Amino acid sequence: QVQLVESGGGLVQPGGSLRLSCAASGFTFSNYYMYWYRQAPGKERELVAAITATGGSTDYAHSVKGRFTIFRDNAKSTVYLQMNSLKSEDTAVYLCNAPPFDYWGQGTQVTVSS
């Protein structure tokens, strides 16, 4: 069955960097767009970044454009989110998703705080 396992989160100071990973299984990863979302306490889930099946095109939420980079390794069935210049407002649980599969993993917690 479909599985998405996020990792790489942690506590980082403002201005720092983290790289998140999402390991996929149970479907042909290279055929699907992949998305990173985040959800902060008391807030709606927010789409952060998207990447096409080949990785040739990406898109970002305005709030992270220029700071975050989504990329993928289809040989490893893994999508990544490189996060630089982190701000306190980036604090959230980060989750990946692969429509049309209605599956959400547990996500990985990112906390940006001094």
C-alpha atoms as a PDB file:
ATOM      1  CA  GLN A   1       0.000   0.000   0.000  1.00  0.00           C
ATOM      2  CA  VAL A   2       0.980   3.638  -0.332  1.00  0.00           C
ATOM      3  CA  GLN A   3       3.358   4.921   2.318  1.00  0.00           C
ATOM      4  CA  LEU A   4       4.984   8.313   2.743  1.00  0.00           C
ATOM      5  CA  VAL A   5       7.532   8.704   5.520  1.00  0.00           C
ATOM      6  CA  GLU A   6       8.778  12.195   6.316  1.00  0.00           C
ATOM      7  CA  SER A   7      12.006  12.872   8.193  1.00  0.00           C
ATOM      8  CA  GLY A   8      14.632  15.530   8.780  1.00  0.00           C
ATOM      9  CA  GLY A   9      12.774  17.949  11.012  1.00  0.00           C
ATOM     10  CA  GLY A  10      14.113  19.399  14.217  1.00  0.00           C
ATOM     11  CA  LEU A  11      14.828  22.522  16.210  1.00  0.00           C
ATOM     12  CA  VAL A  12      16.765  25.229  14.397  1.00  0.00           C
ATOM     13  CA  GLN A  13      17.562  28.863  15.093  1.00  0.00           C
ATOM     14  CA  PRO A  14      16.156  31.645  12.923  1.00  0.00           C
ATOM     15  CA  GLY A  15      18.251  31.959   9.790  1.00  0.00           C
ATOM     16  CA  GLY A  16      19.222  28.302   9.880  1.00  0.00           C
ATOM     17  CA  SER A  17      18.612  25.499   7.413  1.00  0.00           C
ATOM     18  CA  LEU A  18      17.064  22.055   7.349  1.00  0.00           C
ATOM     19  CA  ARG A  19      16.553  19.441   4.659  1.00  0.00           C
ATOM     20  CA  LEU A  20      13.417  17.343   4.855  1.00  0.00           C
ATOM     21  CA  SER A  21      12.978  13.998   3.138  1.00  0.00           C
ATOM     22  CA  CYS A  22       9.877  12.063   2.148  1.00  0.00           C
ATOM     23  CA  ALA A  23      10.406   8.418   1.247  1.00  0.00           C
ATOM     24  CA  ALA A  24       7.609   6.974  -0.847  1.00  0.00           C
ATOM     25  CA  SER A  25       6.584   3.383  -1.479  1.00  0.00           C
ATOM     26  CA  GLY A  26       3.617   1.436  -2.783  1.00  0.00           C
ATOM     27  CA  PHE A  27       3.258   3.301  -6.078  1.00  0.00           C
ATOM     28  CA  THR A  28       5.319   4.235  -9.125  1.00  0.00           C
ATOM     29  CA  PHE A  29       6.884   7.351  -7.671  1.00  0.00           C
ATOM     30  CA  SER A  30       8.292   8.672 -10.938  1.00  0.00           C
ATOM     31  CA  ASN A  31       4.798   8.954 -12.450  1.00  0.00           C
ATOM     32  CA  TYR A  32       3.406  11.434  -9.938  1.00  0.00           C
ATOM     33  CA  TYR A  33       3.680  15.050  -8.926  1.00  0.00           C
ATOM     34  CA  MET A  34       4.710  15.441  -5.292  1.00  0.00           C
ATOM     35  CA  TYR A  35       3.742  18.126  -2.816  1.00  0.00           C
ATOM     36  CA  TRP A  36       4.986  19.411   0.529  1.00  0.00           C
ATOM     37  CA  TYR A  37       2.439  20.848   2.951  1.00  0.00           C
ATOM     38  CA  ARG A  38       2.742  22.239   6.448  1.00  0.00           C
ATOM     39  CA  GLN A  39       0.350  22.657   9.331  1.00  0.00           C
ATOM     40  CA  ALA A  40       0.963  24.936  12.267  1.00  0.00           C
ATOM     41  CA  PRO A  41      -1.041  24.644  15.508  1.00  0.00           C
ATOM     42  CA  GLY A  42      -4.492  26.156  15.095  1.00  0.00           C
ATOM     43  CA  LYS A  43      -3.980  26.863  11.396  1.00  0.00           C
ATOM     44  CA  GLU A  44      -5.169  25.318   8.145  1.00  0.00           C
ATOM     45  CA  ARG A  45      -2.901  22.970   6.247  1.00  0.00           C
ATOM     46  CA  GLU A  46      -0.905  25.023   3.746  1.00  0.00           C
ATOM     47  CA  LEU A  47       0.605  23.960   0.431  1.00  0.00           C
ATOM     48  CA  VAL A  48       4.296  24.854   0.506  1.00  0.00           C
ATOM     49  CA  ALA A  49       5.834  23.427  -2.663  1.00  0.00           C
ATOM     50  CA  ALA A  50       5.104  21.214  -5.637  1.00  0.00           C
ATOM     51  CA  ILE A  51       7.209  19.366  -8.177  1.00  0.00           C
ATOM     52  CA  THR A  52       6.323  17.622 -11.424  1.00  0.00           C
ATOM     53  CA  ALA A  53       6.893  13.910 -11.972  1.00  0.00           C
ATOM     54  CA  THR A  54      10.194  14.440 -13.768  1.00  0.00           C
ATOM     55  CA  GLY A  55      11.324  17.229 -11.469  1.00  0.00           C
ATOM     56  CA  GLY A  56      11.509  19.625 -14.373  1.00  0.00           C
ATOM     57  CA  SER A  57       9.145  22.178 -12.895  1.00  0.00           C
ATOM     58  CA  THR A  58       8.472  23.417  -9.398  1.00  0.00           C
ATOM     59  CA  ASP A  59       6.179  25.883  -7.673  1.00  0.00           C
ATOM     60  CA  TYR A  60       6.156  27.494  -4.247  1.00  0.00           C
ATOM     61  CA  ALA A  61       3.936  29.340  -1.838  1.00  0.00           C
ATOM     62  CA  HIS A  62       4.706  33.039  -1.833  1.00  0.00           C
ATOM     63  CA  SER A  63       5.773  32.835   1.803  1.00  0.00           C
ATOM     64  CA  VAL A  64       8.666  30.461   1.063  1.00  0.00           C
ATOM     65  CA  LYS A  65       9.685  31.432  -2.466  1.00  0.00           C
ATOM     66  CA  GLY A  66      13.408  32.106  -2.661  1.00  0.00           C
ATOM     67  CA  ARG A  67      14.098  30.304   0.631  1.00  0.00           C
ATOM     68  CA  PHE A  68      12.830  26.752   0.043  1.00  0.00           C
ATOM     69  CA  THR A  69      13.715  24.351  -2.760  1.00  0.00           C
ATOM     70  CA  ILE A  70      11.836  21.165  -3.610  1.00  0.00           C
ATOM     71  CA  PHE A  71      13.634  18.443  -5.529  1.00  0.00           C
ATOM     72  CA  ARG A  72      13.335  14.715  -6.046  1.00  0.00           C
ATOM     73  CA  ASP A  73      15.354  11.599  -6.707  1.00  0.00           C
ATOM     74  CA  ASN A  74      13.153   9.207  -8.651  1.00  0.00           C
ATOM     75  CA  ALA A  75      15.718   6.416  -8.355  1.00  0.00           C
ATOM     76  CA  LYS A  76      15.295   6.595  -4.571  1.00  0.00           C
ATOM     77  CA  SER A  77      11.541   7.367  -4.618  1.00  0.00           C
ATOM     78  CA  THR A  78      12.256  10.331  -2.394  1.00  0.00           C
ATOM     79  CA  VAL A  79      11.268  13.979  -2.486  1.00  0.00           C
ATOM     80  CA  TYR A  80      13.166  16.600  -0.536  1.00  0.00           C
ATOM     81  CA  LEU A  81      12.555  20.078   0.790  1.00  0.00           C
ATOM     82  CA  GLN A  82      15.630  22.217   1.369  1.00  0.00           C
ATOM     83  CA  MET A  83      14.713  25.037   3.725  1.00  0.00           C
ATOM     84  CA  ASN A  84      17.059  27.983   4.142  1.00  0.00           C
ATOM     85  CA  SER A  85      16.781  31.291   5.987  1.00  0.00           C
ATOM     86  CA  LEU A  86      14.206  29.777   8.299  1.00  0.00           C
ATOM     87  CA  LYS A  87      11.854  32.042  10.226  1.00  0.00           C
ATOM     88  CA  SER A  88       9.770  31.459  13.333  1.00  0.00           C
ATOM     89  CA  GLU A  89       6.653  31.461  11.173  1.00  0.00           C
ATOM     90  CA  ASP A  90       7.966  28.373   9.376  1.00  0.00           C
ATOM     91  CA  THR A  91       7.356  26.363  12.546  1.00  0.00           C
ATOM     92  CA  ALA A  92       4.928  23.573  11.671  1.00  0.00           C
ATOM     93  CA  VAL A  93       4.525  19.891  10.987  1.00  0.00           C
ATOM     94  CA  TYR A  94       5.639  19.255   7.412  1.00  0.00           C
ATOM     95  CA  LEU A  95       3.977  16.522   5.376  1.00  0.00           C
ATOM     96  CA  CYS A  96       4.316  15.243   1.830  1.00  0.00           C
ATOM     97  CA  ASN A  97       1.480  14.134  -0.403  1.00  0.00           C
ATOM     98  CA  ALA A  98       1.031  12.341  -3.719  1.00  0.00           C
ATOM     99  CA  PRO A  99      -2.355  12.948  -5.305  1.00  0.00           C
ATOM    100  CA  PRO A 100      -4.552  11.136  -6.109  1.00  0.00           C
ATOM    101  CA  PHE A 101      -3.539   8.874  -3.238  1.00  0.00           C
ATOM    102  CA  ASP A 102      -5.451   9.884  -0.133  1.00  0.00           C
ATOM    103  CA  TYR A 103      -2.646   9.128   2.259  1.00  0.00           C
ATOM    104  CA  TRP A 104      -0.959  11.332   4.834  1.00  0.00           C
ATOM    105  CA  GLY A 105       2.009  10.296   6.920  1.00  0.00           C
ATOM    106  CA  GLN A 106       2.760  11.554  10.416  1.00  0.00           C
ATOM    107  CA  GLY A 107       4.887  14.388   9.128  1.00  0.00           C
ATOM    108  CA  THR A 108       8.046  15.825  10.621  1.00  0.00           C
ATOM    109  CA  GLN A 109       8.105  18.669  13.128  1.00  0.00           C
ATOM    110  CA  VAL A 110      10.094  21.794  12.279  1.00  0.00           C
ATOM    111  CA  THR A 111      10.581  24.292  15.074  1.00  0.00           C
ATOM    112  CA  VAL A 112      12.355  27.576  14.417  1.00  0.00           C
ATOM    113  CA  SER A 113      13.260  29.281  17.655  1.00  0.00           C
ATOM    114  CA  SER A 114      16.167  30.947  19.386  1.00  0.00           C
END
